[in-house]
Amino acid sequence: MKLFGRGNRKRREQPLVKLPVIPWVAIGSVLGVLVMASVLVTAARWVLNRPVERVVINGEFERVSADGLEAVLRTAMGKGFLGADLRAIQEQVMAQPWVATARVSRQWPDALSVTVTEEEPAARWGADGLLNPQGRLFVRHTTHIPAELPRLNGPEGSEAEVAARFIAIQERLVERGLRLAALDLDERGAWSLVISNGIGVRLGSQDVDSRLTRFFDALDTVVAPVAADVQFVDMRYTNGFSIGWKQQRSARSPVDDEPRFLEALPRA
């Protein structure tokens, strides 16, 4: 007799329920990236909105106006550190008189650095203008003109052409221990020059290069020995040149008072 009828039944096993695996490492990485991104965005906004507090000017200059530079750079003050337009600031600085080159950069955390190079005048242009060594008229009117500068002159827009001619003539004169004091191109296209020893040279408008070559030949052979008595040399001839003498001739000069025409010298 069975007192308990369920005693011999087998126990049914219930299946185990698997809990989902939470990728805590991946979640942590994502949260870290989000936090970092939030920090970067906040920092970027802070930098963008941070004004330029200081402007540092570098370079040695005498003629560049410090007041003019400050007036230009003041426009950058108060703007965002990263929002400041460096190219526009550089162009405004370059537009200032006597500024040859300008470089503008950011200086962390709140400053702009401006490096300025001053123009070096190579020649005087007209009454009160100045040319740089590249032949660019960088100042049209100035009261600061070094007395030793050669004087160049020509029609409007001829600055580069006159400067190029000046350089070519200067090189040949320096070889002879002389320098060019003045070079002029008139409205008709005629060239004339004055050497540092006071001799004027008239070249005209035709065959200027060949006339210059003939002049240097004459200078070496005919003009140099009597240079102290020569007022001008006129090269505007096809087969020779003329010499104009000074009124006060030295006693040693065996020449006539009137200009004398000389045949072109044969080339060696």
C-alpha atoms as a PDB file:
ATOM      1  CA  MET A   1       0.000   0.000   0.000  1.00  0.00           C
ATOM      2  CA  LYS A   2       1.403   3.306  -1.126  1.00  0.00           C
ATOM      3  CA  LEU A   3       0.961   6.116   1.261  1.00  0.00           C
ATOM      4  CA  PHE A   4       2.252   8.626  -1.156  1.00  0.00           C
ATOM      5  CA  GLY A   5       1.358   8.064  -4.745  1.00  0.00           C
ATOM      6  CA  ARG A   6       3.950  10.642  -6.156  1.00  0.00           C
ATOM      7  CA  GLY A   7       6.948   9.136  -4.465  1.00  0.00           C
ATOM      8  CA  ASN A   8       8.130   7.221  -7.467  1.00  0.00           C
ATOM      9  CA  ARG A   9       7.648   9.967 -10.096  1.00  0.00           C
ATOM     10  CA  LYS A  10      10.725  11.479 -11.761  1.00  0.00           C
ATOM     11  CA  ARG A  11      11.345  15.203 -11.140  1.00  0.00           C
ATOM     12  CA  ARG A  12      11.056  17.337 -14.307  1.00  0.00           C
ATOM     13  CA  GLU A  13      14.020  19.740 -14.757  1.00  0.00           C
ATOM     14  CA  GLN A  14      13.153  23.291 -15.717  1.00  0.00           C
ATOM     15  CA  PRO A  15      15.353  24.939 -18.439  1.00  0.00           C
ATOM     16  CA  LEU A  16      17.719  27.691 -17.219  1.00  0.00           C
ATOM     17  CA  VAL A  17      16.959  31.265 -18.330  1.00  0.00           C
ATOM     18  CA  LYS A  18      20.102  32.995 -19.716  1.00  0.00           C
ATOM     19  CA  LEU A  19      20.426  36.674 -18.794  1.00  0.00           C
ATOM     20  CA  PRO A  20      21.753  39.009 -21.540  1.00  0.00           C
ATOM     21  CA  VAL A  21      25.454  39.898 -21.301  1.00  0.00           C
ATOM     22  CA  ILE A  22      25.874  43.661 -20.926  1.00  0.00           C
ATOM     23  CA  PRO A  23      28.975  44.991 -22.814  1.00  0.00           C
ATOM     24  CA  TRP A  24      30.147  47.244 -20.076  1.00  0.00           C
ATOM     25  CA  VAL A  25      33.543  47.780 -21.684  1.00  0.00           C
ATOM     26  CA  ALA A  26      32.010  48.967 -24.958  1.00  0.00           C
ATOM     27  CA  ILE A  27      29.503  51.165 -23.149  1.00  0.00           C
ATOM     28  CA  GLY A  28      32.301  52.671 -21.124  1.00  0.00           C
ATOM     29  CA  SER A  29      34.285  53.383 -24.277  1.00  0.00           C
ATOM     30  CA  VAL A  30      31.307  55.065 -25.953  1.00  0.00           C
ATOM     31  CA  LEU A  31      30.593  57.150 -22.866  1.00  0.00           C
ATOM     32  CA  GLY A  32      34.258  58.128 -22.726  1.00  0.00           C
ATOM     33  CA  VAL A  33      34.187  59.234 -26.351  1.00  0.00           C
ATOM     34  CA  LEU A  34      31.006  61.244 -25.775  1.00  0.00           C
ATOM     35  CA  VAL A  35      32.463  62.920 -22.733  1.00  0.00           C
ATOM     36  CA  MET A  36      35.674  63.729 -24.612  1.00  0.00           C
ATOM     37  CA  ALA A  37      33.703  65.092 -27.537  1.00  0.00           C
ATOM     38  CA  SER A  38      31.672  67.259 -25.209  1.00  0.00           C
ATOM     39  CA  VAL A  39      34.839  68.558 -23.594  1.00  0.00           C
ATOM     40  CA  LEU A  40      36.386  69.326 -26.997  1.00  0.00           C
ATOM     41  CA  VAL A  41      33.266  71.124 -28.202  1.00  0.00           C
ATOM     42  CA  THR A  42      33.174  73.186 -25.025  1.00  0.00           C
ATOM     43  CA  ALA A  43      36.876  73.988 -25.345  1.00  0.00           C
ATOM     44  CA  ALA A  44      36.471  74.904 -29.026  1.00  0.00           C
ATOM     45  CA  ARG A  45      33.609  77.229 -28.196  1.00  0.00           C
ATOM     46  CA  TRP A  46      35.691  78.783 -25.464  1.00  0.00           C
ATOM     47  CA  VAL A  47      38.640  79.338 -27.812  1.00  0.00           C
ATOM     48  CA  LEU A  48      36.455  80.666 -30.612  1.00  0.00           C
ATOM     49  CA  ASN A  49      34.759  83.092 -28.294  1.00  0.00           C
ATOM     50  CA  ARG A  50      37.945  84.064 -26.488  1.00  0.00           C
ATOM     51  CA  PRO A  51      38.967  87.539 -27.711  1.00  0.00           C
ATOM     52  CA  VAL A  52      42.426  88.540 -28.865  1.00  0.00           C
ATOM     53  CA  GLU A  53      43.890  90.240 -25.816  1.00  0.00           C
ATOM     54  CA  ARG A  54      47.379  91.140 -27.074  1.00  0.00           C
ATOM     55  CA  VAL A  55      49.231  91.914 -30.304  1.00  0.00           C
ATOM     56  CA  VAL A  56      53.002  91.396 -30.384  1.00  0.00           C
ATOM     57  CA  ILE A  57      54.901  93.369 -33.068  1.00  0.00           C
ATOM     58  CA  ASN A  58      58.313  92.009 -34.092  1.00  0.00           C
ATOM     59  CA  GLY A  59      60.970  93.477 -36.375  1.00  0.00           C
ATOM     60  CA  GLU A  60      63.379  96.370 -36.567  1.00  0.00           C
ATOM     61  CA  PHE A  61      62.093  99.426 -38.383  1.00  0.00           C
ATOM     62  CA  GLU A  62      62.546 103.180 -38.366  1.00  0.00           C
ATOM     63  CA  ARG A  63      60.168 104.539 -40.987  1.00  0.00           C
ATOM     64  CA  VAL A  64      57.157 102.295 -40.419  1.00  0.00           C
ATOM     65  CA  SER A  65      54.593 104.154 -38.340  1.00  0.00           C
ATOM     66  CA  ALA A  66      53.904 102.394 -35.045  1.00  0.00           C
ATOM     67  CA  ASP A  67      50.670 104.371 -34.746  1.00  0.00           C
ATOM     68  CA  GLY A  68      49.579 103.180 -38.182  1.00  0.00           C
ATOM     69  CA  LEU A  69      50.271  99.562 -37.264  1.00  0.00           C
ATOM     70  CA  GLU A  70      48.379  99.890 -33.994  1.00  0.00           C
ATOM     71  CA  ALA A  71      45.382 101.398 -35.795  1.00  0.00           C
ATOM     72  CA  VAL A  72      45.270  98.423 -38.161  1.00  0.00           C
ATOM     73  CA  LEU A  73      45.828  95.794 -35.482  1.00  0.00           C
ATOM     74  CA  ARG A  74      43.298  97.334 -33.143  1.00  0.00           C
ATOM     75  CA  THR A  75      40.574  95.985 -35.425  1.00  0.00           C
ATOM     76  CA  ALA A  76      41.665  92.466 -34.487  1.00  0.00           C
ATOM     77  CA  MET A  77      41.368  93.147 -30.766  1.00  0.00           C
ATOM     78  CA  GLY A  78      38.184  91.784 -29.289  1.00  0.00           C
ATOM     79  CA  LYS A  79      37.595  89.288 -32.077  1.00  0.00           C
ATOM     80  CA  GLY A  80      37.745  85.569 -31.492  1.00  0.00           C
ATOM     81  CA  PHE A  81      41.229  84.109 -31.209  1.00  0.00           C
ATOM     82  CA  LEU A  82      40.529  81.576 -33.960  1.00  0.00           C
ATOM     83  CA  GLY A  83      38.075  83.810 -35.752  1.00  0.00           C
ATOM     84  CA  ALA A  84      40.590  86.547 -36.567  1.00  0.00           C
ATOM     85  CA  ASP A  85      41.211  86.748 -40.341  1.00  0.00           C
ATOM     86  CA  LEU A  86      44.997  86.557 -40.519  1.00  0.00           C
ATOM     87  CA  ARG A  87      45.139  87.111 -44.285  1.00  0.00           C
ATOM     88  CA  ALA A  88      43.045  90.275 -44.080  1.00  0.00           C
ATOM     89  CA  ILE A  89      45.169  91.611 -41.221  1.00  0.00           C
ATOM     90  CA  GLN A  90      48.350  90.866 -43.176  1.00  0.00           C
ATOM     91  CA  GLU A  91      47.049  92.701 -46.257  1.00  0.00           C
ATOM     92  CA  GLN A  92      46.154  95.729 -44.154  1.00  0.00           C
ATOM     93  CA  VAL A  93      49.616  95.774 -42.580  1.00  0.00           C
ATOM     94  CA  MET A  94      51.251  95.400 -46.007  1.00  0.00           C
ATOM     95  CA  ALA A  95      49.321  98.442 -47.216  1.00  0.00           C
ATOM     96  CA  GLN A  96      51.079 100.657 -44.676  1.00  0.00           C
ATOM     97  CA  PRO A  97      53.871 102.936 -45.975  1.00  0.00           C
ATOM     98  CA  TRP A  98      57.411 101.524 -45.740  1.00  0.00           C
ATOM     99  CA  VAL A  99      56.228  97.954 -45.016  1.00  0.00           C
ATOM    100  CA  ALA A 100      58.062  95.488 -47.279  1.00  0.00           C
ATOM    101  CA  THR A 101      56.767  92.208 -45.841  1.00  0.00           C
ATOM    102  CA  ALA A 102      54.410  91.228 -43.035  1.00  0.00           C
ATOM    103  CA  ARG A 103      53.652  87.887 -41.405  1.00  0.00           C
ATOM    104  CA  VAL A 104      50.767  87.381 -38.980  1.00  0.00           C
ATOM    105  CA  SER A 105      50.332  84.295 -36.788  1.00  0.00           C
ATOM    106  CA  ARG A 106      48.430  83.205 -33.694  1.00  0.00           C
ATOM    107  CA  GLN A 107      50.248  82.991 -30.383  1.00  0.00           C
ATOM    108  CA  TRP A 108      48.524  80.816 -27.808  1.00  0.00           C
ATOM    109  CA  PRO A 109      46.363  81.471 -25.935  1.00  0.00           C
ATOM    110  CA  ASP A 110      45.147  84.980 -26.741  1.00  0.00           C
ATOM    111  CA  ALA A 111      47.688  86.916 -28.817  1.00  0.00           C
ATOM    112  CA  LEU A 112      48.533  87.685 -32.436  1.00  0.00           C
ATOM    113  CA  SER A 113      52.169  87.921 -33.519  1.00  0.00           C
ATOM    114  CA  VAL A 114      53.021  90.345 -36.342  1.00  0.00           C
ATOM    115  CA  THR A 115      56.501  90.368 -37.911  1.00  0.00           C
ATOM    116  CA  VAL A 116      57.266  93.394 -40.092  1.00  0.00           C
ATOM    117  CA  THR A 117      60.174  94.010 -42.475  1.00  0.00           C
ATOM    118  CA  GLU A 118      60.819  97.578 -43.539  1.00  0.00           C
ATOM    119  CA  GLU A 119      61.460  98.686 -47.119  1.00  0.00           C
ATOM    120  CA  GLU A 120      65.010  99.637 -48.078  1.00  0.00           C
ATOM    121  CA  PRO A 121      64.979 102.508 -50.582  1.00  0.00           C
ATOM    122  CA  ALA A 122      67.255 101.953 -53.571  1.00  0.00           C
ATOM    123  CA  ALA A 123      66.519 105.101 -55.545  1.00  0.00           C
ATOM    124  CA  ARG A 124      64.599 108.328 -55.476  1.00  0.00           C
ATOM    125  CA  TRP A 125      61.674 108.601 -57.876  1.00  0.00           C
ATOM    126  CA  GLY A 126      60.825 112.027 -59.220  1.00  0.00           C
ATOM    127  CA  ALA A 127      60.581 114.836 -56.689  1.00  0.00           C
ATOM    128  CA  ASP A 128      59.744 112.911 -53.528  1.00  0.00           C
ATOM    129  CA  GLY A 129      59.004 109.246 -54.318  1.00  0.00           C
ATOM    130  CA  LEU A 130      61.061 106.188 -53.398  1.00  0.00           C
ATOM    131  CA  LEU A 131      61.752 102.925 -55.223  1.00  0.00           C
ATOM    132  CA  ASN A 132      62.750  99.655 -53.561  1.00  0.00           C
ATOM    133  CA  PRO A 133      65.429  97.343 -55.054  1.00  0.00           C
ATOM    134  CA  GLN A 134      62.734  95.569 -57.103  1.00  0.00           C
ATOM    135  CA  GLY A 135      61.762  98.845 -58.768  1.00  0.00           C
ATOM    136  CA  ARG A 136      58.456  99.192 -56.951  1.00  0.00           C
ATOM    137  CA  LEU A 137      57.330 102.699 -56.033  1.00  0.00           C
ATOM    138  CA  PHE A 138      56.478 102.099 -52.374  1.00  0.00           C
ATOM    139  CA  VAL A 139      56.253 105.753 -51.309  1.00  0.00           C
ATOM    140  CA  ARG A 140      54.984 108.485 -53.627  1.00  0.00           C
ATOM    141  CA  HIS A 141      55.511 111.444 -51.345  1.00  0.00           C
ATOM    142  CA  THR A 142      57.943 111.605 -48.462  1.00  0.00           C
ATOM    143  CA  THR A 143      60.104 114.125 -46.705  1.00  0.00           C
ATOM    144  CA  HIS A 144      62.633 111.484 -45.649  1.00  0.00           C
ATOM    145  CA  ILE A 145      64.917 111.060 -48.685  1.00  0.00           C
ATOM    146  CA  PRO A 146      68.519 109.929 -48.114  1.00  0.00           C
ATOM    147  CA  ALA A 147      70.797 112.365 -49.924  1.00  0.00           C
ATOM    148  CA  GLU A 148      72.997 109.625 -51.398  1.00  0.00           C
ATOM    149  CA  LEU A 149      70.178 107.956 -53.342  1.00  0.00           C
ATOM    150  CA  PRO A 150      70.310 108.196 -57.150  1.00  0.00           C
ATOM    151  CA  ARG A 151      67.443 110.086 -58.772  1.00  0.00           C
ATOM    152  CA  LEU A 152      65.255 108.240 -61.261  1.00  0.00           C
ATOM    153  CA  ASN A 153      62.448 109.764 -63.240  1.00  0.00           C
ATOM    154  CA  GLY A 154      59.991 108.709 -65.920  1.00  0.00           C
ATOM    155  CA  PRO A 155      56.362 108.766 -67.020  1.00  0.00           C
ATOM    156  CA  GLU A 156      53.654 107.271 -64.816  1.00  0.00           C
ATOM    157  CA  GLY A 157      53.902 103.479 -64.832  1.00  0.00           C
ATOM    158  CA  SER A 158      57.508 103.318 -66.089  1.00  0.00           C
ATOM    159  CA  GLU A 159      59.047 102.708 -62.669  1.00  0.00           C
ATOM    160  CA  ALA A 160      59.971  99.069 -63.312  1.00  0.00           C
ATOM    161  CA  GLU A 161      61.423  99.821 -66.759  1.00  0.00           C
ATOM    162  CA  VAL A 162      63.558 102.694 -65.473  1.00  0.00           C
ATOM    163  CA  ALA A 163      64.688 100.633 -62.472  1.00  0.00           C
ATOM    164  CA  ALA A 164      65.749  97.742 -64.722  1.00  0.00           C
ATOM    165  CA  ARG A 165      67.758 100.123 -66.931  1.00  0.00           C
ATOM    166  CA  PHE A 166      69.294 101.689 -63.828  1.00  0.00           C
ATOM    167  CA  ILE A 167      70.503  98.310 -62.531  1.00  0.00           C
ATOM    168  CA  ALA A 168      72.041  97.376 -65.893  1.00  0.00           C
ATOM    169  CA  ILE A 169      73.939 100.690 -66.194  1.00  0.00           C
ATOM    170  CA  GLN A 170      74.963 100.701 -62.545  1.00  0.00           C
ATOM    171  CA  GLU A 171      76.653  97.316 -62.839  1.00  0.00           C
ATOM    172  CA  ARG A 172      78.864  98.534 -65.711  1.00  0.00           C
ATOM    173  CA  LEU A 173      79.723 101.774 -63.934  1.00  0.00           C
ATOM    174  CA  VAL A 174      80.700 100.037 -60.696  1.00  0.00           C
ATOM    175  CA  GLU A 175      83.237  98.008 -62.667  1.00  0.00           C
ATOM    176  CA  ARG A 176      84.892 101.349 -63.512  1.00  0.00           C
ATOM    177  CA  GLY A 177      84.747 102.765 -60.005  1.00  0.00           C
ATOM    178  CA  LEU A 178      81.776 105.014 -60.794  1.00  0.00           C
ATOM    179  CA  ARG A 179      78.102 105.105 -59.922  1.00  0.00           C
ATOM    180  CA  LEU A 180      74.921 106.374 -61.493  1.00  0.00           C
ATOM    181  CA  ALA A 181      73.677 109.627 -60.002  1.00  0.00           C
ATOM    182  CA  ALA A 182      70.563 110.157 -62.138  1.00  0.00           C
ATOM    183  CA  LEU A 183      68.599 108.424 -64.895  1.00  0.00           C
ATOM    184  CA  ASP A 184      65.740 110.025 -66.792  1.00  0.00           C
ATOM    185  CA  LEU A 185      63.184 108.763 -69.311  1.00  0.00           C
ATOM    186  CA  ASP A 186      61.120 111.559 -70.835  1.00  0.00           C
ATOM    187  CA  GLU A 187      57.658 111.450 -72.369  1.00  0.00           C
ATOM    188  CA  ARG A 188      59.099 110.895 -75.852  1.00  0.00           C
ATOM    189  CA  GLY A 189      61.026 107.816 -74.729  1.00  0.00           C
ATOM    190  CA  ALA A 190      64.449 109.491 -74.713  1.00  0.00           C
ATOM    191  CA  TRP A 191      67.002 108.433 -72.103  1.00  0.00           C
ATOM    192  CA  SER A 192      69.621 110.554 -70.362  1.00  0.00           C
ATOM    193  CA  LEU A 193      71.812 109.980 -67.340  1.00  0.00           C
ATOM    194  CA  VAL A 194      74.329 111.617 -65.039  1.00  0.00           C
ATOM    195  CA  ILE A 195      77.370 109.802 -63.683  1.00  0.00           C
ATOM    196  CA  SER A 196      78.691 110.300 -60.177  1.00  0.00           C
ATOM    197  CA  ASN A 197      81.635 112.306 -61.580  1.00  0.00           C
ATOM    198  CA  GLY A 198      79.151 114.847 -62.941  1.00  0.00           C
ATOM    199  CA  ILE A 199      79.263 113.892 -66.633  1.00  0.00           C
ATOM    200  CA  GLY A 200      75.887 113.859 -68.350  1.00  0.00           C
ATOM    201  CA  VAL A 201      75.133 111.363 -71.116  1.00  0.00           C
ATOM    202  CA  ARG A 202      72.461 111.823 -73.768  1.00  0.00           C
ATOM    203  CA  LEU A 203      71.267 108.562 -75.278  1.00  0.00           C
ATOM    204  CA  GLY A 204      68.037 109.489 -77.078  1.00  0.00           C
ATOM    205  CA  SER A 205      65.262 107.024 -77.804  1.00  0.00           C
ATOM    206  CA  GLN A 206      66.741 104.830 -80.565  1.00  0.00           C
ATOM    207  CA  ASP A 207      69.251 101.976 -80.267  1.00  0.00           C
ATOM    208  CA  VAL A 208      69.760 102.724 -76.589  1.00  0.00           C
ATOM    209  CA  ASP A 209      71.614  99.486 -75.829  1.00  0.00           C
ATOM    210  CA  SER A 210      74.111  99.905 -78.672  1.00  0.00           C
ATOM    211  CA  ARG A 211      74.617 103.556 -77.771  1.00  0.00           C
ATOM    212  CA  LEU A 212      75.340 102.575 -74.191  1.00  0.00           C
ATOM    213  CA  THR A 213      77.953 100.099 -75.404  1.00  0.00           C
ATOM    214  CA  ARG A 214      79.594 102.813 -77.545  1.00  0.00           C
ATOM    215  CA  PHE A 215      79.525 105.196 -74.606  1.00  0.00           C
ATOM    216  CA  PHE A 216      81.394 102.795 -72.341  1.00  0.00           C
ATOM    217  CA  ASP A 217      83.984 102.254 -75.069  1.00  0.00           C
ATOM    218  CA  ALA A 218      84.402 106.043 -75.338  1.00  0.00           C
ATOM    219  CA  LEU A 219      84.510 106.401 -71.564  1.00  0.00           C
ATOM    220  CA  ASP A 220      87.384 103.941 -71.279  1.00  0.00           C
ATOM    221  CA  THR A 221      89.496 105.420 -74.071  1.00  0.00           C
ATOM    222  CA  VAL A 222      88.600 109.057 -74.709  1.00  0.00           C
ATOM    223  CA  VAL A 223      86.499 110.499 -71.896  1.00  0.00           C
ATOM    224  CA  ALA A 224      88.252 109.129 -68.804  1.00  0.00           C
ATOM    225  CA  PRO A 225      91.572 110.989 -69.353  1.00  0.00           C
ATOM    226  CA  VAL A 226      89.762 114.373 -69.606  1.00  0.00           C
ATOM    227  CA  ALA A 227      86.743 113.581 -67.381  1.00  0.00           C
ATOM    228  CA  ALA A 228      87.331 116.616 -65.153  1.00  0.00           C
ATOM    229  CA  ASP A 229      86.683 118.914 -68.142  1.00  0.00           C
ATOM    230  CA  VAL A 230      83.725 117.059 -69.685  1.00  0.00           C
ATOM    231  CA  GLN A 231      80.236 118.417 -69.133  1.00  0.00           C
ATOM    232  CA  PHE A 232      78.283 115.972 -71.289  1.00  0.00           C
ATOM    233  CA  VAL A 233      78.648 113.268 -73.900  1.00  0.00           C
ATOM    234  CA  ASP A 234      76.046 113.125 -76.670  1.00  0.00           C
ATOM    235  CA  MET A 235      75.622 109.634 -78.124  1.00  0.00           C
ATOM    236  CA  ARG A 236      72.718 110.487 -80.431  1.00  0.00           C
ATOM    237  CA  TYR A 237      74.703 109.875 -83.607  1.00  0.00           C
ATOM    238  CA  THR A 238      74.917 106.877 -85.875  1.00  0.00           C
ATOM    239  CA  ASN A 239      78.678 107.032 -86.435  1.00  0.00           C
ATOM    240  CA  GLY A 240      80.131 108.833 -83.450  1.00  0.00           C
ATOM    241  CA  PHE A 241      79.478 111.103 -80.479  1.00  0.00           C
ATOM    242  CA  SER A 242      80.127 114.646 -79.346  1.00  0.00           C
ATOM    243  CA  ILE A 243      81.638 115.990 -76.165  1.00  0.00           C
ATOM    244  CA  GLY A 244      80.556 119.213 -74.475  1.00  0.00           C
ATOM    245  CA  TRP A 245      83.265 120.843 -72.382  1.00  0.00           C
ATOM    246  CA  LYS A 246      82.926 122.746 -69.163  1.00  0.00           C
ATOM    247  CA  GLN A 247      83.408 126.512 -69.327  1.00  0.00           C
ATOM    248  CA  GLN A 248      86.047 126.438 -66.611  1.00  0.00           C
ATOM    249  CA  ARG A 249      88.590 124.023 -68.053  1.00  0.00           C
ATOM    250  CA  SER A 250      91.667 122.903 -66.219  1.00  0.00           C
ATOM    251  CA  ALA A 251      94.945 124.219 -67.580  1.00  0.00           C
ATOM    252  CA  ARG A 252      96.109 120.749 -68.458  1.00  0.00           C
ATOM    253  CA  SER A 253      93.181 120.041 -70.818  1.00  0.00           C
ATOM    254  CA  PRO A 254      94.344 120.459 -74.452  1.00  0.00           C
ATOM    255  CA  VAL A 255      90.817 120.776 -75.852  1.00  0.00           C
ATOM    256  CA  ASP A 256      88.722 123.436 -77.525  1.00  0.00           C
ATOM    257  CA  ASP A 257      85.875 125.249 -75.795  1.00  0.00           C
ATOM    258  CA  GLU A 258      83.263 124.160 -78.324  1.00  0.00           C
ATOM    259  CA  PRO A 259      81.668 120.716 -78.386  1.00  0.00           C
ATOM    260  CA  ARG A 260      83.705 118.408 -80.572  1.00  0.00           C
ATOM    261  CA  PHE A 261      82.351 115.533 -82.649  1.00  0.00           C
ATOM    262  CA  LEU A 262      84.325 112.298 -82.573  1.00  0.00           C
ATOM    263  CA  GLU A 263      83.975 109.343 -84.881  1.00  0.00           C
ATOM    264  CA  ALA A 264      82.776 106.102 -83.387  1.00  0.00           C
ATOM    265  CA  LEU A 265      85.622 104.051 -81.983  1.00  0.00           C
ATOM    266  CA  PRO A 266      86.348 100.715 -83.644  1.00  0.00           C
ATOM    267  CA  ARG A 267      85.512  97.734 -81.469  1.00  0.00           C
ATOM    268  CA  ALA A 268      88.408  95.529 -80.446  1.00  0.00           C
END
